[in-house]
Amino acid sequence: MRVPRLVGLMAVDARETARARGLLLSAPDRPDLHSAAVDHVVRQYPRPGAEVPRESMVYVWFGFGPGEGGGGVREPRVPGPPAGGARRELDEPGDPYAVSPA
């Protein structure tokens, strides 16, 4: 049997999907997996599509561990963008059609 993709699903949906496929679900970072409902799965093992026997354990994680990612908050950006709309790059000063003396 193939492991379904659980990444991106809410905890309750991941549990139901695994159970429907005859797989067991475990969350090493969440001992209270059965009470989790709206947390989203961010990682799983084995990977989606892997062949496993029926009633195999699939491990899921609901958050990134220290140093494993998560971009953090990136807004608001300081300093803000300049006012006045789009700008284009200007040519170097001088006559673009001038003939240089040879």
Protein backbone atom coordinates (compact mmCIF):
# COMPACT_ATOMS: atom_id res chain seq x y z
CA MET A 1 0.00 0.00 0.00
CA ARG A 2 1.20 3.53 -0.74
CA VAL A 3 1.56 6.22 1.92
CA PRO A 4 -0.77 9.17 1.23
CA ARG A 5 0.43 12.77 1.27
CA LEU A 6 -0.42 14.15 4.71
CA VAL A 7 1.66 17.35 4.59
CA GLY A 8 -0.64 20.36 4.54
CA LEU A 9 -3.60 18.55 6.10
CA MET A 10 -5.05 19.50 9.45
CA ALA A 11 -4.44 16.99 12.24
CA VAL A 12 -8.00 15.68 12.20
CA ASP A 13 -7.90 15.17 8.40
CA ALA A 14 -4.48 13.48 8.57
CA ARG A 15 -5.80 11.02 11.19
CA GLU A 16 -8.86 10.21 9.07
CA THR A 17 -6.81 9.81 5.87
CA ALA A 18 -4.32 7.47 7.55
CA ARG A 19 -7.07 5.41 9.20
CA ALA A 20 -8.97 5.09 5.90
CA ARG A 21 -5.80 3.63 4.30
CA GLY A 22 -5.22 1.20 7.18
CA LEU A 23 -2.20 3.09 8.54
CA LEU A 24 -1.35 4.16 12.08
CA LEU A 25 -0.39 7.76 12.83
CA SER A 26 2.14 8.99 15.39
CA ALA A 27 3.43 12.48 16.17
CA PRO A 28 6.76 12.49 18.05
CA ASP A 29 6.41 16.22 18.82
CA ARG A 30 2.78 15.96 19.99
CA PRO A 31 1.97 13.36 22.65
CA ASP A 32 -1.62 14.69 22.57
CA LEU A 33 -2.09 13.82 18.88
CA HIS A 34 -5.69 12.71 19.38
CA SER A 35 -6.71 16.08 20.83
CA ALA A 36 -4.96 18.10 18.10
CA ALA A 37 -7.47 19.31 15.52
CA VAL A 38 -6.48 22.38 13.52
CA ASP A 39 -2.67 22.10 13.54
CA HIS A 40 -1.26 21.45 10.06
CA VAL A 41 1.19 18.67 9.21
CA VAL A 42 4.52 20.14 8.03
CA ARG A 43 6.54 16.92 7.61
CA GLN A 44 5.94 13.18 7.39
CA TYR A 45 7.86 9.90 7.32
CA PRO A 46 7.70 7.72 5.26
CA ARG A 47 7.38 10.06 2.33
CA PRO A 48 4.20 10.14 0.24
CA GLY A 49 4.04 7.33 -2.29
CA ALA A 50 6.33 4.97 -0.33
CA GLU A 51 5.24 1.33 -0.32
CA VAL A 52 4.54 0.06 3.22
CA PRO A 53 2.66 -2.91 4.70
CA ARG A 54 -0.86 -2.39 6.03
CA GLU A 55 -1.00 -1.09 9.65
CA SER A 56 2.43 0.55 9.32
CA MET A 57 3.23 3.60 11.42
CA VAL A 58 3.39 6.98 9.67
CA TYR A 59 5.11 9.73 11.64
CA VAL A 60 3.96 13.33 11.27
CA TRP A 61 5.24 16.62 12.68
CA PHE A 62 3.18 19.73 13.24
CA GLY A 63 5.92 22.32 13.60
CA PHE A 64 9.52 22.86 12.62
CA GLY A 65 12.13 22.00 15.21
CA PRO A 66 14.91 24.40 16.22
CA GLY A 67 17.01 25.31 13.20
CA GLU A 68 14.79 23.40 10.74
CA GLY A 69 13.12 26.24 8.95
CA GLY A 70 10.26 28.58 9.40
CA GLY A 71 10.87 31.96 7.86
CA GLY A 72 9.69 34.00 10.80
CA VAL A 73 7.90 37.28 10.47
CA ARG A 74 9.16 39.36 7.58
CA GLU A 75 6.65 42.22 7.61
CA PRO A 76 6.68 45.15 7.93
CA ARG A 77 9.78 45.76 5.86
CA VAL A 78 11.84 48.72 6.99
CA PRO A 79 12.50 51.07 5.32
CA GLY A 80 9.35 51.08 3.25
CA PRO A 81 9.34 51.33 -0.53
CA PRO A 82 9.77 54.82 -1.99
CA ALA A 83 6.65 56.81 -2.73
CA GLY A 84 5.66 57.80 -6.24
CA GLY A 85 5.04 54.62 -8.18
CA ALA A 86 7.24 52.71 -10.60
CA ARG A 87 10.61 54.09 -11.63
CA ARG A 88 12.82 53.18 -14.52
CA GLU A 89 16.56 53.20 -14.84
CA LEU A 90 17.82 56.30 -16.62
CA ASP A 91 20.55 56.30 -19.26
CA GLU A 92 23.96 57.72 -18.54
CA PRO A 93 24.11 61.51 -19.09
CA GLY A 94 25.19 62.65 -22.53
CA ASP A 95 24.03 62.40 -26.12
CA PRO A 96 23.47 58.73 -27.05
CA TYR A 97 23.88 59.65 -30.76
CA ALA A 98 27.12 61.58 -30.47
CA VAL A 99 29.92 60.47 -32.77
CA SER A 100 33.21 60.06 -31.02
CA PRO A 101 36.21 61.63 -32.79
CA ALA A 102 38.52 59.08 -34.39
